[in-house]
Amino acid sequence: MALVIILIRAGLDLDPSALRRLKWPVLKIGLGPWFVEATVVMVMAYFLLNIPWNYGFALGSATAAVSPAVTVPCLLR
């Protein structure tokens, strides 16, 4: 759902050849913030909520996957 919101708000005018040509920068921009946010949530869930590491990682992954759907429309406004 987050990807649908982002693509609708940002537009479907993606150039596949440019994405193939710039695949490493796109992966770094896409996965870097997700990994940092998922890791922070995982560590905080472990130490603050006493949740096991694997459940904390699942919580961090779900939180990090949804956050672009919240921030992109706010940035476009």
PDB file of N, CA and C in Angstrom:
ATOM      1  N   MET A   1       0.817  -1.185   0.000  1.00  0.00           N
ATOM      2  CA  MET A   1       0.000   0.000   0.000  1.00  0.00           C
ATOM      3  C   MET A   1       0.867   1.258   0.000  1.00  0.00           C
ATOM      4  N   ALA A   2       1.993   1.198   0.726  1.00  0.00           N
ATOM      5  CA  ALA A   2       2.873   2.365   0.773  1.00  0.00           C
ATOM      6  C   ALA A   2       3.414   2.689  -0.613  1.00  0.00           C
ATOM      7  N   LEU A   3       3.791   1.671  -1.375  1.00  0.00           N
ATOM      8  CA  LEU A   3       4.305   1.898  -2.723  1.00  0.00           C
ATOM      9  C   LEU A   3       3.240   2.495  -3.624  1.00  0.00           C
ATOM     10  N   VAL A   4       2.001   2.065  -3.476  1.00  0.00           N
ATOM     11  CA  VAL A   4       0.902   2.608  -4.284  1.00  0.00           C
ATOM     12  C   VAL A   4       0.727   4.091  -3.995  1.00  0.00           C
ATOM     13  N   ILE A   5       0.744   4.465  -2.734  1.00  0.00           N
ATOM     14  CA  ILE A   5       0.581   5.878  -2.372  1.00  0.00           C
ATOM     15  C   ILE A   5       1.733   6.707  -2.912  1.00  0.00           C
ATOM     16  N   ILE A   6       2.950   6.187  -2.789  1.00  0.00           N
ATOM     17  CA  ILE A   6       4.107   6.930  -3.283  1.00  0.00           C
ATOM     18  C   ILE A   6       4.060   7.087  -4.794  1.00  0.00           C
ATOM     19  N   LEU A   7       3.732   6.022  -5.520  1.00  0.00           N
ATOM     20  CA  LEU A   7       3.692   6.113  -6.979  1.00  0.00           C
ATOM     21  C   LEU A   7       2.569   7.018  -7.470  1.00  0.00           C
ATOM     22  N   ILE A   8       1.445   7.010  -6.784  1.00  0.00           N
ATOM     23  CA  ILE A   8       0.353   7.888  -7.196  1.00  0.00           C
ATOM     24  C   ILE A   8       0.716   9.343  -6.931  1.00  0.00           C
ATOM     25  N   ARG A   9       1.292   9.622  -5.762  1.00  0.00           N
ATOM     26  CA  ARG A   9       1.644  10.997  -5.420  1.00  0.00           C
ATOM     27  C   ARG A   9       2.840  11.501  -6.230  1.00  0.00           C
ATOM     28  N   ALA A  10       3.827  10.673  -6.435  1.00  0.00           N
ATOM     29  CA  ALA A  10       5.035  11.110  -7.129  1.00  0.00           C
ATOM     30  C   ALA A  10       4.901  11.001  -8.641  1.00  0.00           C
ATOM     31  N   GLY A  11       3.938  10.221  -9.105  1.00  0.00           N
ATOM     32  CA  GLY A  11       3.745  10.050 -10.534  1.00  0.00           C
ATOM     33  C   GLY A  11       4.305   8.723 -11.018  1.00  0.00           C
ATOM     34  N   LEU A  12       3.720   8.226 -12.063  1.00  0.00           N
ATOM     35  CA  LEU A  12       4.142   6.948 -12.625  1.00  0.00           C
ATOM     36  C   LEU A  12       5.113   7.140 -13.773  1.00  0.00           C
ATOM     37  N   ASP A  13       5.759   8.286 -13.809  1.00  0.00           N
ATOM     38  CA  ASP A  13       6.643   8.634 -14.913  1.00  0.00           C
ATOM     39  C   ASP A  13       8.068   8.205 -14.618  1.00  0.00           C
ATOM     40  N   LEU A  14       8.254   6.917 -14.324  1.00  0.00           N
ATOM     41  CA  LEU A  14       9.588   6.394 -14.069  1.00  0.00           C
ATOM     42  C   LEU A  14      10.195   5.881 -15.370  1.00  0.00           C
ATOM     43  N   ASP A  15      11.451   6.166 -15.564  1.00  0.00           N
ATOM     44  CA  ASP A  15      12.164   5.733 -16.760  1.00  0.00           C
ATOM     45  C   ASP A  15      12.907   4.434 -16.453  1.00  0.00           C
ATOM     46  N   PRO A  16      12.449   3.294 -16.996  1.00  0.00           N
ATOM     47  CA  PRO A  16      13.098   2.015 -16.680  1.00  0.00           C
ATOM     48  C   PRO A  16      14.573   1.959 -17.071  1.00  0.00           C
ATOM     49  N   SER A  17      14.934   2.582 -18.164  1.00  0.00           N
ATOM     50  CA  SER A  17      16.345   2.539 -18.570  1.00  0.00           C
ATOM     51  C   SER A  17      17.218   3.335 -17.597  1.00  0.00           C
ATOM     52  N   ALA A  18      16.708   4.445 -17.094  1.00  0.00           N
ATOM     53  CA  ALA A  18      17.471   5.225 -16.112  1.00  0.00           C
ATOM     54  C   ALA A  18      17.588   4.462 -14.799  1.00  0.00           C
ATOM     55  N   LEU A  19      16.537   3.745 -14.414  1.00  0.00           N
ATOM     56  CA  LEU A  19      16.598   2.951 -13.185  1.00  0.00           C
ATOM     57  C   LEU A  19      17.609   1.818 -13.314  1.00  0.00           C
ATOM     58  N   ARG A  20      17.671   1.187 -14.492  1.00  0.00           N
ATOM     59  CA  ARG A  20      18.655   0.129 -14.704  1.00  0.00           C
ATOM     60  C   ARG A  20      20.077   0.680 -14.690  1.00  0.00           C
ATOM     61  N   ARG A  21      20.239   1.862 -15.271  1.00  0.00           N
ATOM     62  CA  ARG A  21      21.563   2.470 -15.343  1.00  0.00           C
ATOM     63  C   ARG A  21      22.045   2.915 -13.955  1.00  0.00           C
ATOM     64  N   LEU A  22      21.128   3.357 -13.118  1.00  0.00           N
ATOM     65  CA  LEU A  22      21.472   3.868 -11.787  1.00  0.00           C
ATOM     66  C   LEU A  22      21.014   2.918 -10.680  1.00  0.00           C
ATOM     67  N   LYS A  23      21.166   1.613 -10.908  1.00  0.00           N
ATOM     68  CA  LYS A  23      20.596   0.654  -9.964  1.00  0.00           C
ATOM     69  C   LYS A  23      21.264   0.695  -8.597  1.00  0.00           C
ATOM     70  N   TRP A  24      22.575   0.919  -8.515  1.00  0.00           N
ATOM     71  CA  TRP A  24      23.236   0.946  -7.200  1.00  0.00           C
ATOM     72  C   TRP A  24      22.866   2.174  -6.390  1.00  0.00           C
ATOM     73  N   PRO A  25      22.853   3.378  -6.965  1.00  0.00           N
ATOM     74  CA  PRO A  25      22.397   4.533  -6.164  1.00  0.00           C
ATOM     75  C   PRO A  25      20.927   4.410  -5.744  1.00  0.00           C
ATOM     76  N   VAL A  26      20.093   3.842  -6.608  1.00  0.00           N
ATOM     77  CA  VAL A  26      18.683   3.665  -6.249  1.00  0.00           C
ATOM     78  C   VAL A  26      18.552   2.678  -5.098  1.00  0.00           C
ATOM     79  N   LEU A  27      19.319   1.591  -5.127  1.00  0.00           N
ATOM     80  CA  LEU A  27      19.275   0.624  -4.027  1.00  0.00           C
ATOM     81  C   LEU A  27      19.788   1.238  -2.723  1.00  0.00           C
ATOM     82  N   LYS A  28      20.851   2.035  -2.807  1.00  0.00           N
ATOM     83  CA  LYS A  28      21.380   2.668  -1.595  1.00  0.00           C
ATOM     84  C   LYS A  28      20.382   3.658  -1.011  1.00  0.00           C
ATOM     85  N   ILE A  29      19.741   4.435  -1.861  1.00  0.00           N
ATOM     86  CA  ILE A  29      18.766   5.416  -1.384  1.00  0.00           C
ATOM     87  C   ILE A  29      17.522   4.721  -0.840  1.00  0.00           C
ATOM     88  N   GLY A  30      17.145   3.609  -1.439  1.00  0.00           N
ATOM     89  CA  GLY A  30      15.945   2.915  -1.002  1.00  0.00           C
ATOM     90  C   GLY A  30      16.138   2.038   0.217  1.00  0.00           C
ATOM     91  N   LEU A  31      17.241   1.295   0.268  1.00  0.00           N
ATOM     92  CA  LEU A  31      17.443   0.347   1.359  1.00  0.00           C
ATOM     93  C   LEU A  31      18.205   0.927   2.549  1.00  0.00           C
ATOM     94  N   GLY A  32      18.981   1.955   2.330  1.00  0.00           N
ATOM     95  CA  GLY A  32      19.744   2.548   3.426  1.00  0.00           C
ATOM     96  C   GLY A  32      18.859   3.080   4.553  1.00  0.00           C
ATOM     97  N   PRO A  33      17.943   3.988   4.258  1.00  0.00           N
ATOM     98  CA  PRO A  33      17.065   4.495   5.326  1.00  0.00           C
ATOM     99  C   PRO A  33      16.184   3.411   5.931  1.00  0.00           C
ATOM    100  N   TRP A  34      15.741   2.462   5.114  1.00  0.00           N
ATOM    101  CA  TRP A  34      14.914   1.371   5.655  1.00  0.00           C
ATOM    102  C   TRP A  34      15.703   0.561   6.671  1.00  0.00           C
ATOM    103  N   PHE A  35      16.938   0.224   6.344  1.00  0.00           N
ATOM    104  CA  PHE A  35      17.760  -0.587   7.238  1.00  0.00           C
ATOM    105  C   PHE A  35      18.041   0.151   8.543  1.00  0.00           C
ATOM    106  N   VAL A  36      18.369   1.426   8.468  1.00  0.00           N
ATOM    107  CA  VAL A  36      18.654   2.211   9.674  1.00  0.00           C
ATOM    108  C   VAL A  36      17.411   2.306  10.558  1.00  0.00           C
ATOM    109  N   GLU A  37      16.264   2.609   9.962  1.00  0.00           N
ATOM    110  CA  GLU A  37      15.041   2.741  10.745  1.00  0.00           C
ATOM    111  C   GLU A  37      14.616   1.405  11.349  1.00  0.00           C
ATOM    112  N   ALA A  38      14.707   0.329  10.588  1.00  0.00           N
ATOM    113  CA  ALA A  38      14.340  -0.989  11.112  1.00  0.00           C
ATOM    114  C   ALA A  38      15.271  -1.394  12.252  1.00  0.00           C
ATOM    115  N   THR A  39      16.552  -1.080  12.133  1.00  0.00           N
ATOM    116  CA  THR A  39      17.509  -1.417  13.182  1.00  0.00           C
ATOM    117  C   THR A  39      17.247  -0.613  14.454  1.00  0.00           C
ATOM    118  N   VAL A  40      16.960   0.668  14.313  1.00  0.00           N
ATOM    119  CA  VAL A  40      16.686   1.506  15.485  1.00  0.00           C
ATOM    120  C   VAL A  40      15.437   1.021  16.209  1.00  0.00           C
ATOM    121  N   VAL A  41      14.386   0.722  15.462  1.00  0.00           N
ATOM    122  CA  VAL A  41      13.157   0.228  16.090  1.00  0.00           C
ATOM    123  C   VAL A  41      13.408  -1.125  16.747  1.00  0.00           C
ATOM    124  N   MET A  42      14.187  -1.991  16.119  1.00  0.00           N
ATOM    125  CA  MET A  42      14.491  -3.303  16.687  1.00  0.00           C
ATOM    126  C   MET A  42      15.235  -3.160  18.013  1.00  0.00           C
ATOM    127  N   VAL A  43      16.242  -2.309  18.054  1.00  0.00           N
ATOM    128  CA  VAL A  43      17.017  -2.121  19.284  1.00  0.00           C
ATOM    129  C   VAL A  43      16.159  -1.490  20.378  1.00  0.00           C
ATOM    130  N   MET A  44      15.355  -0.495  20.020  1.00  0.00           N
ATOM    131  CA  MET A  44      14.495   0.136  21.020  1.00  0.00           C
ATOM    132  C   MET A  44      13.439  -0.830  21.540  1.00  0.00           C
ATOM    133  N   ALA A  45      12.895  -1.660  20.664  1.00  0.00           N
ATOM    134  CA  ALA A  45      11.896  -2.637  21.113  1.00  0.00           C
ATOM    135  C   ALA A  45      12.525  -3.661  22.046  1.00  0.00           C
ATOM    136  N   TYR A  46      13.758  -4.035  21.788  1.00  0.00           N
ATOM    137  CA  TYR A  46      14.429  -5.010  22.643  1.00  0.00           C
ATOM    138  C   TYR A  46      14.706  -4.434  24.035  1.00  0.00           C
ATOM    139  N   PHE A  47      15.252  -3.230  24.069  1.00  0.00           N
ATOM    140  CA  PHE A  47      15.653  -2.668  25.357  1.00  0.00           C
ATOM    141  C   PHE A  47      14.505  -2.002  26.114  1.00  0.00           C
ATOM    142  N   LEU A  48      13.579  -1.372  25.428  1.00  0.00           N
ATOM    143  CA  LEU A  48      12.501  -0.670  26.127  1.00  0.00           C
ATOM    144  C   LEU A  48      11.277  -1.541  26.392  1.00  0.00           C
ATOM    145  N   LEU A  49      10.970  -2.442  25.464  1.00  0.00           N
ATOM    146  CA  LEU A  49       9.760  -3.245  25.598  1.00  0.00           C
ATOM    147  C   LEU A  49      10.034  -4.706  25.934  1.00  0.00           C
ATOM    148  N   ASN A  50      11.309  -5.080  26.029  1.00  0.00           N
ATOM    149  CA  ASN A  50      11.705  -6.465  26.310  1.00  0.00           C
ATOM    150  C   ASN A  50      11.121  -7.453  25.302  1.00  0.00           C
ATOM    151  N   ILE A  51      11.121  -7.059  24.046  1.00  0.00           N
ATOM    152  CA  ILE A  51      10.657  -7.910  22.950  1.00  0.00           C
ATOM    153  C   ILE A  51      11.871  -8.647  22.392  1.00  0.00           C
ATOM    154  N   PRO A  52      11.739  -9.935  22.047  1.00  0.00           N
ATOM    155  CA  PRO A  52      12.884 -10.663  21.463  1.00  0.00           C
ATOM    156  C   PRO A  52      13.370 -10.003  20.168  1.00  0.00           C
ATOM    157  N   TRP A  53      14.638 -10.275  19.830  1.00  0.00           N
ATOM    158  CA  TRP A  53      15.261  -9.638  18.667  1.00  0.00           C
ATOM    159  C   TRP A  53      14.485  -9.889  17.374  1.00  0.00           C
ATOM    160  N   ASN A  54      14.046 -11.129  17.154  1.00  0.00           N
ATOM    161  CA  ASN A  54      13.374 -11.419  15.875  1.00  0.00           C
ATOM    162  C   ASN A  54      12.021 -10.718  15.791  1.00  0.00           C
ATOM    163  N   TYR A  55      11.285 -10.610  16.891  1.00  0.00           N
ATOM    164  CA  TYR A  55      10.024  -9.863  16.865  1.00  0.00           C
ATOM    165  C   TYR A  55      10.283  -8.365  16.714  1.00  0.00           C
ATOM    166  N   GLY A  56      11.351  -7.902  17.317  1.00  0.00           N
ATOM    167  CA  GLY A  56      11.723  -6.501  17.154  1.00  0.00           C
ATOM    168  C   GLY A  56      12.091  -6.179  15.723  1.00  0.00           C
ATOM    169  N   PHE A  57      12.762  -7.121  15.063  1.00  0.00           N
ATOM    170  CA  PHE A  57      13.090  -6.912  13.648  1.00  0.00           C
ATOM    171  C   PHE A  57      11.827  -6.895  12.788  1.00  0.00           C
ATOM    172  N   ALA A  58      10.874  -7.758  13.102  1.00  0.00           N
ATOM    173  CA  ALA A  58       9.606  -7.754  12.370  1.00  0.00           C
ATOM    174  C   ALA A  58       8.863  -6.438  12.586  1.00  0.00           C
ATOM    175  N   LEU A  59       8.862  -5.945  13.815  1.00  0.00           N
ATOM    176  CA  LEU A  59       8.226  -4.661  14.107  1.00  0.00           C
ATOM    177  C   LEU A  59       8.939  -3.526  13.386  1.00  0.00           C
ATOM    178  N   GLY A  60      10.265  -3.543  13.387  1.00  0.00           N
ATOM    179  CA  GLY A  60      11.029  -2.510  12.693  1.00  0.00           C
ATOM    180  C   GLY A  60      10.833  -2.561  11.189  1.00  0.00           C
ATOM    181  N   SER A  61      10.736  -3.749  10.627  1.00  0.00           N
ATOM    182  CA  SER A  61      10.510  -3.877   9.187  1.00  0.00           C
ATOM    183  C   SER A  61       9.146  -3.335   8.793  1.00  0.00           C
ATOM    184  N   ALA A  62       8.136  -3.641   9.580  1.00  0.00           N
ATOM    185  CA  ALA A  62       6.790  -3.137   9.280  1.00  0.00           C
ATOM    186  C   ALA A  62       6.729  -1.624   9.422  1.00  0.00           C
ATOM    187  N   THR A  63       7.376  -1.098  10.442  1.00  0.00           N
ATOM    188  CA  THR A  63       7.376   0.353  10.647  1.00  0.00           C
ATOM    189  C   THR A  63       8.147   1.065   9.540  1.00  0.00           C
ATOM    190  N   ALA A  64       9.282   0.536   9.165  1.00  0.00           N
ATOM    191  CA  ALA A  64      10.106   1.166   8.139  1.00  0.00           C
ATOM    192  C   ALA A  64       9.456   1.079   6.760  1.00  0.00           C
ATOM    193  N   ALA A  65       8.674   0.040   6.515  1.00  0.00           N
ATOM    194  CA  ALA A  65       8.029  -0.095   5.208  1.00  0.00           C
ATOM    195  C   ALA A  65       6.879   0.892   5.039  1.00  0.00           C
ATOM    196  N   VAL A  66       6.266   1.303   6.130  1.00  0.00           N
ATOM    197  CA  VAL A  66       5.102   2.195   6.055  1.00  0.00           C
ATOM    198  C   VAL A  66       5.510   3.659   6.105  1.00  0.00           C
ATOM    199  N   SER A  67       6.654   3.974   6.676  1.00  0.00           N
ATOM    200  CA  SER A  67       7.021   5.373   6.876  1.00  0.00           C
ATOM    201  C   SER A  67       7.152   6.193   5.584  1.00  0.00           C
ATOM    202  N   PRO A  68       7.611   5.641   4.448  1.00  0.00           N
ATOM    203  CA  PRO A  68       7.639   6.477   3.236  1.00  0.00           C
ATOM    204  C   PRO A  68       6.244   6.911   2.780  1.00  0.00           C
ATOM    205  N   ALA A  69       5.236   6.111   3.058  1.00  0.00           N
ATOM    206  CA  ALA A  69       3.869   6.500   2.677  1.00  0.00           C
ATOM    207  C   ALA A  69       3.388   7.682   3.499  1.00  0.00           C
ATOM    208  N   VAL A  70       3.992   7.885   4.638  1.00  0.00           N
ATOM    209  CA  VAL A  70       3.629   9.033   5.475  1.00  0.00           C
ATOM    210  C   VAL A  70       4.464  10.247   5.127  1.00  0.00           C
ATOM    211  N   THR A  71       5.757  10.059   4.905  1.00  0.00           N
ATOM    212  CA  THR A  71       6.636  11.208   4.714  1.00  0.00           C
ATOM    213  C   THR A  71       6.592  11.783   3.312  1.00  0.00           C
ATOM    214  N   VAL A  72       6.445  10.966   2.274  1.00  0.00           N
ATOM    215  CA  VAL A  72       6.468  11.485   0.901  1.00  0.00           C
ATOM    216  C   VAL A  72       5.321  12.451   0.635  1.00  0.00           C
ATOM    217  N   PRO A  73       4.060  12.119   0.970  1.00  0.00           N
ATOM    218  CA  PRO A  73       2.998  13.108   0.745  1.00  0.00           C
ATOM    219  C   PRO A  73       3.200  14.399   1.545  1.00  0.00           C
ATOM    220  N   CYS A  74       3.775  14.296   2.748  1.00  0.00           N
ATOM    221  CA  CYS A  74       4.052  15.505   3.529  1.00  0.00           C
ATOM    222  C   CYS A  74       5.109  16.357   2.858  1.00  0.00           C
ATOM    223  N   LEU A  75       6.123  15.718   2.270  1.00  0.00           N
ATOM    224  CA  LEU A  75       7.173  16.468   1.576  1.00  0.00           C
ATOM    225  C   LEU A  75       6.665  17.100   0.292  1.00  0.00           C
ATOM    226  N   LEU A  76       5.719  16.456  -0.366  1.00  0.00           N
ATOM    227  CA  LEU A  76       5.189  17.007  -1.615  1.00  0.00           C
ATOM    228  C   LEU A  76       4.257  18.191  -1.376  1.00  0.00           C
ATOM    229  N   ARG A  77       3.714  18.301  -0.170  1.00  0.00           N
ATOM    230  CA  ARG A  77       2.852  19.440   0.151  1.00  0.00           C
ATOM    231  C   ARG A  77       3.692  20.632   0.325  1.00  0.00           C
TER     232      ARG A  77
END
